[in-house]
Amino acid sequence: MTKSASIFSVGVLVGVLVASAVYAFVSGGGSDVAGGRVLKLAHGLDTSHPVHLGMVKMKERVLELSGGRLSMDIYPSGVLGSEVQCIEQLQSGELAMSKTSTAAMESFIPEMGVFGVPYLFNDEDHFWDVLDSPLGKELLSVGKGTGLIGLCYYDAGSRNFYSTKKPIRSPDDLKGMKIRVQNSRMAISMIEAMGGSPTPIAWGELYSALAQGVVDGAENNPPSFYSSRHYEECKYFTPDAHTRVPDLLMISSKIWMSLSGEEKDWLQQAADESSIYQRELWAQKTKESLAAVVEAGVEIVDCDPSQFQAACSSIKDTLVGTPMEPWLNRIVEEAEK
């Protein structure tokens, strides 16, 4: 073989290897590599977020439990697509795992909309009692037929109102106000019931919408209110805790079914432990965020949550005959025990 032919052959071989590696990266949610299997996990949060840090803990535990035979590659900050795009990649098996909000899951698993029912949970203890119960575990698996299985819940706190114009002390204050909501039927119904004008806007566009007066306020948890810098435009924060909407760690059904029983056990145990760890981080982050916005001049508004609850109590009646109804009834029953 001539020298030029030899160089050409080596070049072809290198090209094939590179192409194979790229194909494995973009086309598979999990891959077998020397020493073990690696699962791809993607999400849209930054690397300082408690959910991301919880996932890092999960990766560490998976490695420890499996003795290096199972691992995870984490892709944060939306590098593999938006939340909805990641969910679609889970369904096709292109991605192994992703963090999703229950609001985004409504379009894929209607039952998840139950988390958007305002004042469904009495308090934080009731919320976690339900999620940690067999009922909560059962709800994680309800989307199996859609190609999606839940591994665990992550704390996303309670959602609360904040505004640019005036303090929101009661539902009357919401009348005539344009409030940004997630693109969720339940969130839209809640604002309408309270007399406000719900306005779905992408999260990344909300700061400018508040600054330009496109909307008069929004609703979210304290860490998001702080990290988004919305407190620069909104000087009133009302801790009414109208919803407690968890984040979900979802896995592709295709990937899950390809795992051995031992691998499933490692992954589930690591996910459960990461959930507990993330809740601790979230509690601290919430405390720090509230202190920071107060220092920046935000008023924490006194309110009576029961007034808001009464204003939207009829929403539960609209769920009769929907996939959410049985779950709603079971959660209410759980609270009455």
C-alpha atoms as a PDB file:
ATOM      1  CA  MET A   1       0.000   0.000   0.000  1.00  0.00           C
ATOM      2  CA  THR A   2       1.345   3.420  -0.933  1.00  0.00           C
ATOM      3  CA  LYS A   3       1.855   6.111   1.673  1.00  0.00           C
ATOM      4  CA  SER A   4      -0.984   8.250   0.262  1.00  0.00           C
ATOM      5  CA  ALA A   5      -3.369   5.276   0.225  1.00  0.00           C
ATOM      6  CA  SER A   6      -2.461   4.486   3.826  1.00  0.00           C
ATOM      7  CA  ILE A   7      -3.178   8.057   4.903  1.00  0.00           C
ATOM      8  CA  PHE A   8      -6.482   7.963   3.016  1.00  0.00           C
ATOM      9  CA  SER A   9      -7.508   4.720   4.762  1.00  0.00           C
ATOM     10  CA  VAL A  10      -6.698   6.151   8.176  1.00  0.00           C
ATOM     11  CA  GLY A  11      -8.693   9.273   7.319  1.00  0.00           C
ATOM     12  CA  VAL A  12     -11.708   7.210   6.325  1.00  0.00           C
ATOM     13  CA  LEU A  13     -11.501   5.183   9.539  1.00  0.00           C
ATOM     14  CA  VAL A  14     -11.278   8.316  11.684  1.00  0.00           C
ATOM     15  CA  GLY A  15     -14.237   9.804   9.826  1.00  0.00           C
ATOM     16  CA  VAL A  16     -16.337   6.710  10.434  1.00  0.00           C
ATOM     17  CA  LEU A  17     -15.485   6.711  14.139  1.00  0.00           C
ATOM     18  CA  VAL A  18     -16.323  10.419  14.509  1.00  0.00           C
ATOM     19  CA  ALA A  19     -19.598  10.010  12.623  1.00  0.00           C
ATOM     20  CA  SER A  20     -20.530   7.058  14.812  1.00  0.00           C
ATOM     21  CA  ALA A  21     -19.792   9.029  17.952  1.00  0.00           C
ATOM     22  CA  VAL A  22     -21.865  11.987  16.770  1.00  0.00           C
ATOM     23  CA  TYR A  23     -24.730   9.691  15.808  1.00  0.00           C
ATOM     24  CA  ALA A  24     -24.662   8.031  19.235  1.00  0.00           C
ATOM     25  CA  PHE A  25     -24.762  11.461  20.885  1.00  0.00           C
ATOM     26  CA  VAL A  26     -27.725  12.862  18.972  1.00  0.00           C
ATOM     27  CA  SER A  27     -29.793   9.720  18.443  1.00  0.00           C
ATOM     28  CA  GLY A  28     -29.767   7.793  21.677  1.00  0.00           C
ATOM     29  CA  GLY A  29     -31.003   8.518  25.199  1.00  0.00           C
ATOM     30  CA  GLY A  30     -28.557   5.988  26.573  1.00  0.00           C
ATOM     31  CA  SER A  31     -25.411   4.352  25.329  1.00  0.00           C
ATOM     32  CA  ASP A  32     -23.139   1.532  26.362  1.00  0.00           C
ATOM     33  CA  VAL A  33     -19.537   2.601  26.826  1.00  0.00           C
ATOM     34  CA  ALA A  34     -16.454   0.963  28.230  1.00  0.00           C
ATOM     35  CA  GLY A  35     -17.083   0.349  31.912  1.00  0.00           C
ATOM     36  CA  GLY A  36     -20.856   0.826  31.867  1.00  0.00           C
ATOM     37  CA  ARG A  37     -23.961   2.482  30.501  1.00  0.00           C
ATOM     38  CA  VAL A  38     -24.472   6.256  30.290  1.00  0.00           C
ATOM     39  CA  LEU A  39     -27.927   7.890  30.293  1.00  0.00           C
ATOM     40  CA  LYS A  40     -28.545  11.370  28.899  1.00  0.00           C
ATOM     41  CA  LEU A  41     -30.479  13.839  31.069  1.00  0.00           C
ATOM     42  CA  ALA A  42     -31.370  17.326  29.782  1.00  0.00           C
ATOM     43  CA  HIS A  43     -33.222  20.282  31.266  1.00  0.00           C
ATOM     44  CA  GLY A  44     -33.638  24.043  30.848  1.00  0.00           C
ATOM     45  CA  LEU A  45     -32.397  25.263  34.236  1.00  0.00           C
ATOM     46  CA  ASP A  46     -29.053  26.878  35.028  1.00  0.00           C
ATOM     47  CA  THR A  47     -26.367  25.036  36.950  1.00  0.00           C
ATOM     48  CA  SER A  48     -26.972  26.929  40.203  1.00  0.00           C
ATOM     49  CA  HIS A  49     -30.625  25.862  40.410  1.00  0.00           C
ATOM     50  CA  PRO A  50     -31.539  23.462  43.264  1.00  0.00           C
ATOM     51  CA  VAL A  51     -33.076  21.021  40.763  1.00  0.00           C
ATOM     52  CA  HIS A  52     -29.838  20.837  38.772  1.00  0.00           C
ATOM     53  CA  LEU A  53     -27.859  20.345  41.985  1.00  0.00           C
ATOM     54  CA  GLY A  54     -30.274  17.584  42.958  1.00  0.00           C
ATOM     55  CA  MET A  55     -29.570  15.895  39.629  1.00  0.00           C
ATOM     56  CA  VAL A  56     -25.831  16.175  40.225  1.00  0.00           C
ATOM     57  CA  LYS A  57     -26.377  14.385  43.533  1.00  0.00           C
ATOM     58  CA  MET A  58     -28.376  11.738  41.681  1.00  0.00           C
ATOM     59  CA  LYS A  59     -25.515  11.228  39.208  1.00  0.00           C
ATOM     60  CA  GLU A  60     -23.066  10.765  42.083  1.00  0.00           C
ATOM     61  CA  ARG A  61     -25.329   8.220  43.782  1.00  0.00           C
ATOM     62  CA  VAL A  62     -25.955   6.264  40.572  1.00  0.00           C
ATOM     63  CA  LEU A  63     -22.209   5.896  40.122  1.00  0.00           C
ATOM     64  CA  GLU A  64     -21.751   4.804  43.748  1.00  0.00           C
ATOM     65  CA  LEU A  65     -24.670   2.351  43.788  1.00  0.00           C
ATOM     66  CA  SER A  66     -23.712   0.765  40.471  1.00  0.00           C
ATOM     67  CA  GLY A  67     -19.980   0.693  41.083  1.00  0.00           C
ATOM     68  CA  GLY A  68     -19.504   2.692  37.900  1.00  0.00           C
ATOM     69  CA  ARG A  69     -21.643   0.399  35.748  1.00  0.00           C
ATOM     70  CA  LEU A  70     -24.350   3.056  35.282  1.00  0.00           C
ATOM     71  CA  SER A  71     -23.830   6.787  34.878  1.00  0.00           C
ATOM     72  CA  MET A  72     -25.542   9.960  33.665  1.00  0.00           C
ATOM     73  CA  ASP A  73     -24.525  12.841  31.435  1.00  0.00           C
ATOM     74  CA  ILE A  74     -26.393  16.034  32.378  1.00  0.00           C
ATOM     75  CA  TYR A  75     -27.086  18.755  29.788  1.00  0.00           C
ATOM     76  CA  PRO A  76     -28.431  21.921  31.515  1.00  0.00           C
ATOM     77  CA  SER A  77     -29.627  25.329  30.298  1.00  0.00           C
ATOM     78  CA  GLY A  78     -31.694  24.063  27.387  1.00  0.00           C
ATOM     79  CA  VAL A  79     -28.729  22.954  25.267  1.00  0.00           C
ATOM     80  CA  LEU A  80     -30.712  19.959  23.954  1.00  0.00           C
ATOM     81  CA  GLY A  81     -33.954  21.857  23.439  1.00  0.00           C
ATOM     82  CA  SER A  82     -36.889  23.476  25.206  1.00  0.00           C
ATOM     83  CA  GLU A  83     -38.921  21.740  27.891  1.00  0.00           C
ATOM     84  CA  VAL A  84     -41.533  20.545  25.372  1.00  0.00           C
ATOM     85  CA  GLN A  85     -38.838  19.451  22.913  1.00  0.00           C
ATOM     86  CA  CYS A  86     -37.171  17.418  25.654  1.00  0.00           C
ATOM     87  CA  ILE A  87     -40.485  15.736  26.497  1.00  0.00           C
ATOM     88  CA  GLU A  88     -40.895  14.792  22.836  1.00  0.00           C
ATOM     89  CA  GLN A  89     -37.343  13.398  22.814  1.00  0.00           C
ATOM     90  CA  LEU A  90     -38.253  11.258  25.827  1.00  0.00           C
ATOM     91  CA  GLN A  91     -41.205   9.822  23.957  1.00  0.00           C
ATOM     92  CA  SER A  92     -39.026   8.869  20.999  1.00  0.00           C
ATOM     93  CA  GLY A  93     -36.243   7.496  23.188  1.00  0.00           C
ATOM     94  CA  GLU A  94     -33.697  10.034  21.884  1.00  0.00           C
ATOM     95  CA  LEU A  95     -33.290  11.308  25.446  1.00  0.00           C
ATOM     96  CA  ALA A  96     -33.315   9.251  28.639  1.00  0.00           C
ATOM     97  CA  MET A  97     -34.456  11.763  31.271  1.00  0.00           C
ATOM     98  CA  SER A  98     -35.590  15.350  31.677  1.00  0.00           C
ATOM     99  CA  LYS A  99     -37.001  17.731  34.265  1.00  0.00           C
ATOM    100  CA  THR A 100     -40.455  19.019  33.373  1.00  0.00           C
ATOM    101  CA  SER A 101     -43.053  21.172  35.069  1.00  0.00           C
ATOM    102  CA  THR A 102     -46.490  19.658  35.590  1.00  0.00           C
ATOM    103  CA  ALA A 103     -47.926  22.573  33.581  1.00  0.00           C
ATOM    104  CA  ALA A 104     -45.937  21.489  30.512  1.00  0.00           C
ATOM    105  CA  MET A 105     -47.000  17.888  31.103  1.00  0.00           C
ATOM    106  CA  GLU A 106     -50.722  18.724  30.887  1.00  0.00           C
ATOM    107  CA  SER A 107     -50.600  18.489  27.077  1.00  0.00           C
ATOM    108  CA  PHE A 108     -49.026  15.016  27.251  1.00  0.00           C
ATOM    109  CA  ILE A 109     -50.577  13.590  30.431  1.00  0.00           C
ATOM    110  CA  PRO A 110     -53.904  15.356  31.216  1.00  0.00           C
ATOM    111  CA  GLU A 111     -53.997  13.887  34.722  1.00  0.00           C
ATOM    112  CA  MET A 112     -51.017  16.056  35.686  1.00  0.00           C
ATOM    113  CA  GLY A 113     -53.270  19.096  35.415  1.00  0.00           C
ATOM    114  CA  VAL A 114     -54.590  18.259  38.880  1.00  0.00           C
ATOM    115  CA  PHE A 115     -51.536  19.983  40.391  1.00  0.00           C
ATOM    116  CA  GLY A 116     -52.748  23.256  38.914  1.00  0.00           C
ATOM    117  CA  VAL A 117     -56.007  23.208  40.894  1.00  0.00           C
ATOM    118  CA  PRO A 118     -55.774  26.266  43.181  1.00  0.00           C
ATOM    119  CA  TYR A 119     -55.590  25.601  46.910  1.00  0.00           C
ATOM    120  CA  LEU A 120     -55.725  21.844  46.396  1.00  0.00           C
ATOM    121  CA  PHE A 121     -53.201  21.332  49.190  1.00  0.00           C
ATOM    122  CA  ASN A 122     -53.790  22.641  52.697  1.00  0.00           C
ATOM    123  CA  ASP A 123     -50.127  23.443  53.256  1.00  0.00           C
ATOM    124  CA  GLU A 124     -46.608  22.248  52.469  1.00  0.00           C
ATOM    125  CA  ASP A 125     -46.854  19.251  54.801  1.00  0.00           C
ATOM    126  CA  HIS A 126     -50.049  18.054  53.116  1.00  0.00           C
ATOM    127  CA  PHE A 127     -48.415  18.542  49.715  1.00  0.00           C
ATOM    128  CA  TRP A 128     -45.445  16.302  50.510  1.00  0.00           C
ATOM    129  CA  ASP A 129     -47.562  13.787  52.425  1.00  0.00           C
ATOM    130  CA  VAL A 130     -49.492  13.221  49.197  1.00  0.00           C
ATOM    131  CA  LEU A 131     -46.470  13.151  46.893  1.00  0.00           C
ATOM    132  CA  ASP A 132     -44.572  10.721  49.140  1.00  0.00           C
ATOM    133  CA  SER A 133     -47.605   8.442  49.525  1.00  0.00           C
ATOM    134  CA  PRO A 134     -48.558   5.493  47.299  1.00  0.00           C
ATOM    135  CA  LEU A 135     -50.985   7.886  45.608  1.00  0.00           C
ATOM    136  CA  GLY A 136     -48.138  10.196  44.622  1.00  0.00           C
ATOM    137  CA  LYS A 137     -46.050   7.282  43.352  1.00  0.00           C
ATOM    138  CA  GLU A 138     -49.011   5.998  41.338  1.00  0.00           C
ATOM    139  CA  LEU A 139     -49.489   9.379  39.685  1.00  0.00           C
ATOM    140  CA  LEU A 140     -45.871   9.302  38.487  1.00  0.00           C
ATOM    141  CA  SER A 141     -46.669   6.210  36.408  1.00  0.00           C
ATOM    142  CA  VAL A 142     -49.968   7.355  34.901  1.00  0.00           C
ATOM    143  CA  GLY A 143     -48.265   8.494  31.676  1.00  0.00           C
ATOM    144  CA  LYS A 144     -46.562   5.186  30.915  1.00  0.00           C
ATOM    145  CA  GLY A 145     -48.754   4.659  27.863  1.00  0.00           C
ATOM    146  CA  THR A 146     -47.585   7.975  26.421  1.00  0.00           C
ATOM    147  CA  GLY A 147     -43.932   6.956  26.638  1.00  0.00           C
ATOM    148  CA  LEU A 148     -43.276   8.861  29.859  1.00  0.00           C
ATOM    149  CA  ILE A 149     -42.633   7.605  33.392  1.00  0.00           C
ATOM    150  CA  GLY A 150     -41.965   9.742  36.457  1.00  0.00           C
ATOM    151  CA  LEU A 151     -39.039   8.874  38.708  1.00  0.00           C
ATOM    152  CA  CYS A 152     -39.503  11.486  41.438  1.00  0.00           C
ATOM    153  CA  TYR A 153     -40.802  14.915  42.363  1.00  0.00           C
ATOM    154  CA  TYR A 154     -38.656  17.993  42.931  1.00  0.00           C
ATOM    155  CA  ASP A 155     -39.760  20.942  45.038  1.00  0.00           C
ATOM    156  CA  ALA A 156     -40.786  24.032  43.087  1.00  0.00           C
ATOM    157  CA  GLY A 157     -42.383  25.710  46.088  1.00  0.00           C
ATOM    158  CA  SER A 158     -45.660  27.585  46.087  1.00  0.00           C
ATOM    159  CA  ARG A 159     -46.730  30.018  43.391  1.00  0.00           C
ATOM    160  CA  ASN A 160     -47.617  33.535  44.502  1.00  0.00           C
ATOM    161  CA  PHE A 161     -48.662  36.825  42.928  1.00  0.00           C
ATOM    162  CA  TYR A 162     -46.381  39.785  42.303  1.00  0.00           C
ATOM    163  CA  SER A 163     -47.209  43.067  40.602  1.00  0.00           C
ATOM    164  CA  THR A 164     -45.833  46.313  39.212  1.00  0.00           C
ATOM    165  CA  LYS A 165     -48.718  48.655  40.063  1.00  0.00           C
ATOM    166  CA  LYS A 166     -50.228  47.920  43.443  1.00  0.00           C
ATOM    167  CA  PRO A 167     -50.334  45.388  46.266  1.00  0.00           C
ATOM    168  CA  ILE A 168     -52.619  42.398  45.675  1.00  0.00           C
ATOM    169  CA  ARG A 169     -54.359  41.818  48.994  1.00  0.00           C
ATOM    170  CA  SER A 170     -57.567  40.180  47.762  1.00  0.00           C
ATOM    171  CA  PRO A 171     -59.160  38.942  44.517  1.00  0.00           C
ATOM    172  CA  ASP A 172     -60.737  42.386  44.104  1.00  0.00           C
ATOM    173  CA  ASP A 173     -57.285  43.807  43.494  1.00  0.00           C
ATOM    174  CA  LEU A 174     -56.837  41.495  40.519  1.00  0.00           C
ATOM    175  CA  LYS A 175     -59.815  42.895  38.646  1.00  0.00           C
ATOM    176  CA  GLY A 176     -58.645  44.593  35.478  1.00  0.00           C
ATOM    177  CA  MET A 177     -55.061  43.443  35.933  1.00  0.00           C
ATOM    178  CA  LYS A 178     -53.214  41.537  33.226  1.00  0.00           C
ATOM    179  CA  ILE A 179     -51.414  38.656  34.916  1.00  0.00           C
ATOM    180  CA  ARG A 180     -48.856  36.506  33.142  1.00  0.00           C
ATOM    181  CA  VAL A 181     -49.536  32.784  33.459  1.00  0.00           C
ATOM    182  CA  GLN A 182     -48.022  29.604  32.092  1.00  0.00           C
ATOM    183  CA  ASN A 183     -49.689  28.172  29.020  1.00  0.00           C
ATOM    184  CA  SER A 184     -51.934  26.022  31.197  1.00  0.00           C
ATOM    185  CA  ARG A 185     -55.700  25.784  30.986  1.00  0.00           C
ATOM    186  CA  MET A 186     -55.911  25.478  34.756  1.00  0.00           C
ATOM    187  CA  ALA A 187     -53.772  28.584  35.369  1.00  0.00           C
ATOM    188  CA  ILE A 188     -55.871  30.588  32.921  1.00  0.00           C
ATOM    189  CA  SER A 189     -59.109  29.463  34.604  1.00  0.00           C
ATOM    190  CA  MET A 190     -57.749  30.431  38.022  1.00  0.00           C
ATOM    191  CA  ILE A 191     -56.959  34.023  37.038  1.00  0.00           C
ATOM    192  CA  GLU A 192     -60.311  34.373  35.269  1.00  0.00           C
ATOM    193  CA  ALA A 193     -62.136  33.133  38.378  1.00  0.00           C
ATOM    194  CA  MET A 194     -60.374  35.763  40.480  1.00  0.00           C
ATOM    195  CA  GLY A 195     -61.336  38.552  38.091  1.00  0.00           C
ATOM    196  CA  GLY A 196     -57.989  39.096  36.408  1.00  0.00           C
ATOM    197  CA  SER A 197     -56.997  38.884  32.763  1.00  0.00           C
ATOM    198  CA  PRO A 198     -54.703  35.847  32.218  1.00  0.00           C
ATOM    199  CA  THR A 199     -51.953  36.442  29.672  1.00  0.00           C
ATOM    200  CA  PRO A 200     -49.751  33.495  28.632  1.00  0.00           C
ATOM    201  CA  ILE A 201     -46.228  34.724  27.910  1.00  0.00           C
ATOM    202  CA  ALA A 202     -42.992  32.767  27.545  1.00  0.00           C
ATOM    203  CA  TRP A 203     -40.863  32.944  30.693  1.00  0.00           C
ATOM    204  CA  GLY A 204     -37.890  34.398  28.833  1.00  0.00           C
ATOM    205  CA  GLU A 205     -40.014  37.289  27.546  1.00  0.00           C
ATOM    206  CA  LEU A 206     -41.645  38.173  30.866  1.00  0.00           C
ATOM    207  CA  TYR A 207     -39.104  40.676  32.186  1.00  0.00           C
ATOM    208  CA  SER A 208     -39.527  42.957  29.189  1.00  0.00           C
ATOM    209  CA  ALA A 209     -43.321  42.450  29.286  1.00  0.00           C
ATOM    210  CA  LEU A 210     -43.380  43.682  32.892  1.00  0.00           C
ATOM    211  CA  ALA A 211     -41.061  46.606  32.116  1.00  0.00           C
ATOM    212  CA  GLN A 212     -43.118  47.695  29.108  1.00  0.00           C
ATOM    213  CA  GLY A 213     -46.483  47.287  30.818  1.00  0.00           C
ATOM    214  CA  VAL A 214     -47.661  44.462  28.574  1.00  0.00           C
ATOM    215  CA  VAL A 215     -48.701  42.739  31.798  1.00  0.00           C
ATOM    216  CA  ASP A 216     -49.247  44.171  35.276  1.00  0.00           C
ATOM    217  CA  GLY A 217     -47.932  41.212  37.195  1.00  0.00           C
ATOM    218  CA  ALA A 218     -47.219  37.506  37.280  1.00  0.00           C
ATOM    219  CA  GLU A 219     -47.116  34.555  39.668  1.00  0.00           C
ATOM    220  CA  ASN A 220     -44.325  32.238  40.642  1.00  0.00           C
ATOM    221  CA  ASN A 221     -42.198  30.971  43.523  1.00  0.00           C
ATOM    222  CA  PRO A 222     -39.752  33.201  45.464  1.00  0.00           C
ATOM    223  CA  PRO A 223     -36.513  31.798  43.966  1.00  0.00           C
ATOM    224  CA  SER A 224     -37.816  32.360  40.426  1.00  0.00           C
ATOM    225  CA  PHE A 225     -39.019  35.847  41.330  1.00  0.00           C
ATOM    226  CA  TYR A 226     -35.513  36.639  42.536  1.00  0.00           C
ATOM    227  CA  SER A 227     -33.356  34.850  39.942  1.00  0.00           C
ATOM    228  CA  SER A 228     -35.366  36.353  37.046  1.00  0.00           C
ATOM    229  CA  ARG A 229     -34.837  39.843  38.524  1.00  0.00           C
ATOM    230  CA  HIS A 230     -38.559  40.493  38.207  1.00  0.00           C
ATOM    231  CA  TYR A 231     -38.317  42.227  41.584  1.00  0.00           C
ATOM    232  CA  GLU A 232     -36.696  45.142  39.735  1.00  0.00           C
ATOM    233  CA  GLU A 233     -40.070  45.854  38.104  1.00  0.00           C
ATOM    234  CA  CYS A 234     -42.476  44.352  40.651  1.00  0.00           C
ATOM    235  CA  LYS A 235     -42.282  45.835  44.138  1.00  0.00           C
ATOM    236  CA  TYR A 236     -45.226  43.902  45.608  1.00  0.00           C
ATOM    237  CA  PHE A 237     -45.107  40.184  46.425  1.00  0.00           C
ATOM    238  CA  THR A 238     -48.219  38.441  47.802  1.00  0.00           C
ATOM    239  CA  PRO A 239     -47.519  35.048  49.459  1.00  0.00           C
ATOM    240  CA  ASP A 240     -50.989  33.573  48.871  1.00  0.00           C
ATOM    241  CA  ALA A 241     -49.601  30.157  47.796  1.00  0.00           C
ATOM    242  CA  HIS A 242     -52.425  29.549  45.334  1.00  0.00           C
ATOM    243  CA  THR A 243     -50.768  26.473  43.878  1.00  0.00           C
ATOM    244  CA  ARG A 244     -48.003  24.052  44.790  1.00  0.00           C
ATOM    245  CA  VAL A 245     -46.809  22.678  41.486  1.00  0.00           C
ATOM    246  CA  PRO A 246     -43.896  20.231  41.634  1.00  0.00           C
ATOM    247  CA  ASP A 247     -41.231  19.648  39.057  1.00  0.00           C
ATOM    248  CA  LEU A 248     -40.998  16.116  37.717  1.00  0.00           C
ATOM    249  CA  LEU A 249     -38.028  13.989  36.771  1.00  0.00           C
ATOM    250  CA  MET A 250     -39.312  11.966  33.833  1.00  0.00           C
ATOM    251  CA  ILE A 251     -37.696   9.041  32.052  1.00  0.00           C
ATOM    252  CA  SER A 252     -38.433   7.675  28.610  1.00  0.00           C
ATOM    253  CA  SER A 253     -40.519   4.484  28.787  1.00  0.00           C
ATOM    254  CA  LYS A 254     -38.352   3.059  26.009  1.00  0.00           C
ATOM    255  CA  ILE A 255     -35.176   3.673  27.981  1.00  0.00           C
ATOM    256  CA  TRP A 256     -36.720   2.446  31.242  1.00  0.00           C
ATOM    257  CA  MET A 257     -37.818  -0.842  29.666  1.00  0.00           C
ATOM    258  CA  SER A 258     -34.313  -1.360  28.273  1.00  0.00           C
ATOM    259  CA  LEU A 259     -32.784  -1.288  31.769  1.00  0.00           C
ATOM    260  CA  SER A 260     -32.198  -4.409  33.818  1.00  0.00           C
ATOM    261  CA  GLY A 261     -33.986  -4.805  37.132  1.00  0.00           C
ATOM    262  CA  GLU A 262     -30.768  -3.963  38.942  1.00  0.00           C
ATOM    263  CA  GLU A 263     -30.242  -0.810  36.885  1.00  0.00           C
ATOM    264  CA  LYS A 264     -33.806   0.300  37.578  1.00  0.00           C
ATOM    265  CA  ASP A 265     -33.250  -0.149  41.309  1.00  0.00           C
ATOM    266  CA  TRP A 266     -30.049   1.914  41.235  1.00  0.00           C
ATOM    267  CA  LEU A 267     -31.699   4.678  39.263  1.00  0.00           C
ATOM    268  CA  GLN A 268     -34.849   4.817  41.391  1.00  0.00           C
ATOM    269  CA  GLN A 269     -32.937   4.870  44.676  1.00  0.00           C
ATOM    270  CA  ALA A 270     -30.664   7.644  43.413  1.00  0.00           C
ATOM    271  CA  ALA A 271     -33.679   9.651  42.203  1.00  0.00           C
ATOM    272  CA  ASP A 272     -35.458   9.298  45.563  1.00  0.00           C
ATOM    273  CA  GLU A 273     -32.368  10.417  47.463  1.00  0.00           C
ATOM    274  CA  SER A 274     -31.859  13.364  45.107  1.00  0.00           C
ATOM    275  CA  SER A 275     -35.439  14.475  45.764  1.00  0.00           C
ATOM    276  CA  ILE A 276     -34.849  14.666  49.517  1.00  0.00           C
ATOM    277  CA  TYR A 277     -31.573  16.526  48.982  1.00  0.00           C
ATOM    278  CA  GLN A 278     -33.147  18.988  46.535  1.00  0.00           C
ATOM    279  CA  ARG A 279     -35.960  19.856  48.959  1.00  0.00           C
ATOM    280  CA  GLU A 280     -33.385  20.942  51.536  1.00  0.00           C
ATOM    281  CA  LEU A 281     -31.639  23.134  48.964  1.00  0.00           C
ATOM    282  CA  TRP A 282     -34.964  24.588  47.865  1.00  0.00           C
ATOM    283  CA  ALA A 283     -35.988  25.564  51.399  1.00  0.00           C
ATOM    284  CA  GLN A 284     -32.719  27.431  51.883  1.00  0.00           C
ATOM    285  CA  LYS A 285     -32.962  29.072  48.457  1.00  0.00           C
ATOM    286  CA  THR A 286     -36.500  30.277  49.199  1.00  0.00           C
ATOM    287  CA  LYS A 287     -35.429  31.856  52.480  1.00  0.00           C
ATOM    288  CA  GLU A 288     -32.459  33.577  50.845  1.00  0.00           C
ATOM    289  CA  SER A 289     -34.549  34.813  47.895  1.00  0.00           C
ATOM    290  CA  LEU A 290     -37.226  36.416  50.066  1.00  0.00           C
ATOM    291  CA  ALA A 291     -34.579  38.157  52.143  1.00  0.00           C
ATOM    292  CA  ALA A 292     -32.863  39.443  48.991  1.00  0.00           C
ATOM    293  CA  VAL A 293     -35.997  40.905  47.385  1.00  0.00           C
ATOM    294  CA  VAL A 294     -37.004  42.601  50.628  1.00  0.00           C
ATOM    295  CA  GLU A 295     -33.555  44.178  50.789  1.00  0.00           C
ATOM    296  CA  ALA A 296     -34.113  45.348  47.201  1.00  0.00           C
ATOM    297  CA  GLY A 297     -37.266  47.201  48.248  1.00  0.00           C
ATOM    298  CA  VAL A 298     -40.026  44.670  47.657  1.00  0.00           C
ATOM    299  CA  GLU A 299     -43.028  44.744  50.007  1.00  0.00           C
ATOM    300  CA  ILE A 300     -44.254  41.345  51.232  1.00  0.00           C
ATOM    301  CA  VAL A 301     -48.007  41.960  51.181  1.00  0.00           C
ATOM    302  CA  ASP A 302     -50.279  40.704  53.956  1.00  0.00           C
ATOM    303  CA  CYS A 303     -53.246  38.783  52.596  1.00  0.00           C
ATOM    304  CA  ASP A 304     -55.960  36.338  53.566  1.00  0.00           C
ATOM    305  CA  PRO A 305     -55.552  33.285  51.303  1.00  0.00           C
ATOM    306  CA  SER A 306     -59.083  32.117  52.147  1.00  0.00           C
ATOM    307  CA  GLN A 307     -60.504  35.016  50.095  1.00  0.00           C
ATOM    308  CA  PHE A 308     -58.599  33.868  47.020  1.00  0.00           C
ATOM    309  CA  GLN A 309     -59.603  30.281  47.712  1.00  0.00           C
ATOM    310  CA  ALA A 310     -63.282  31.200  47.869  1.00  0.00           C
ATOM    311  CA  ALA A 311     -63.063  33.117  44.592  1.00  0.00           C
ATOM    312  CA  CYS A 312     -61.896  30.099  42.629  1.00  0.00           C
ATOM    313  CA  SER A 313     -63.656  27.298  44.528  1.00  0.00           C
ATOM    314  CA  SER A 314     -65.947  26.589  41.572  1.00  0.00           C
ATOM    315  CA  ILE A 315     -63.003  25.476  39.422  1.00  0.00           C
ATOM    316  CA  LYS A 316     -63.157  22.015  40.964  1.00  0.00           C
ATOM    317  CA  ASP A 317     -66.680  21.613  39.582  1.00  0.00           C
ATOM    318  CA  THR A 318     -65.359  22.023  36.044  1.00  0.00           C
ATOM    319  CA  LEU A 319     -63.218  18.913  36.429  1.00  0.00           C
ATOM    320  CA  VAL A 320     -66.151  16.510  36.686  1.00  0.00           C
ATOM    321  CA  GLY A 321     -65.798  13.868  33.978  1.00  0.00           C
ATOM    322  CA  THR A 322     -62.200  14.798  33.132  1.00  0.00           C
ATOM    323  CA  PRO A 323     -59.097  12.618  33.664  1.00  0.00           C
ATOM    324  CA  MET A 324     -58.232  14.871  36.622  1.00  0.00           C
ATOM    325  CA  GLU A 325     -61.421  14.213  38.617  1.00  0.00           C
ATOM    326  CA  PRO A 326     -60.476  10.870  40.237  1.00  0.00           C
ATOM    327  CA  TRP A 327     -57.071  12.214  41.277  1.00  0.00           C
ATOM    328  CA  LEU A 328     -58.617  15.372  42.672  1.00  0.00           C
ATOM    329  CA  ASN A 329     -61.051  13.336  44.751  1.00  0.00           C
ATOM    330  CA  ARG A 330     -58.316  11.062  46.061  1.00  0.00           C
ATOM    331  CA  ILE A 331     -56.109  13.994  47.085  1.00  0.00           C
ATOM    332  CA  VAL A 332     -59.009  15.651  48.889  1.00  0.00           C
ATOM    333  CA  GLU A 333     -59.796  12.374  50.651  1.00  0.00           C
ATOM    334  CA  GLU A 334     -56.153  12.074  51.684  1.00  0.00           C
ATOM    335  CA  ALA A 335     -56.370  15.493  53.354  1.00  0.00           C
ATOM    336  CA  GLU A 336     -59.443  14.458  55.324  1.00  0.00           C
ATOM    337  CA  LYS A 337     -57.821  11.391  56.885  1.00  0.00           C
END
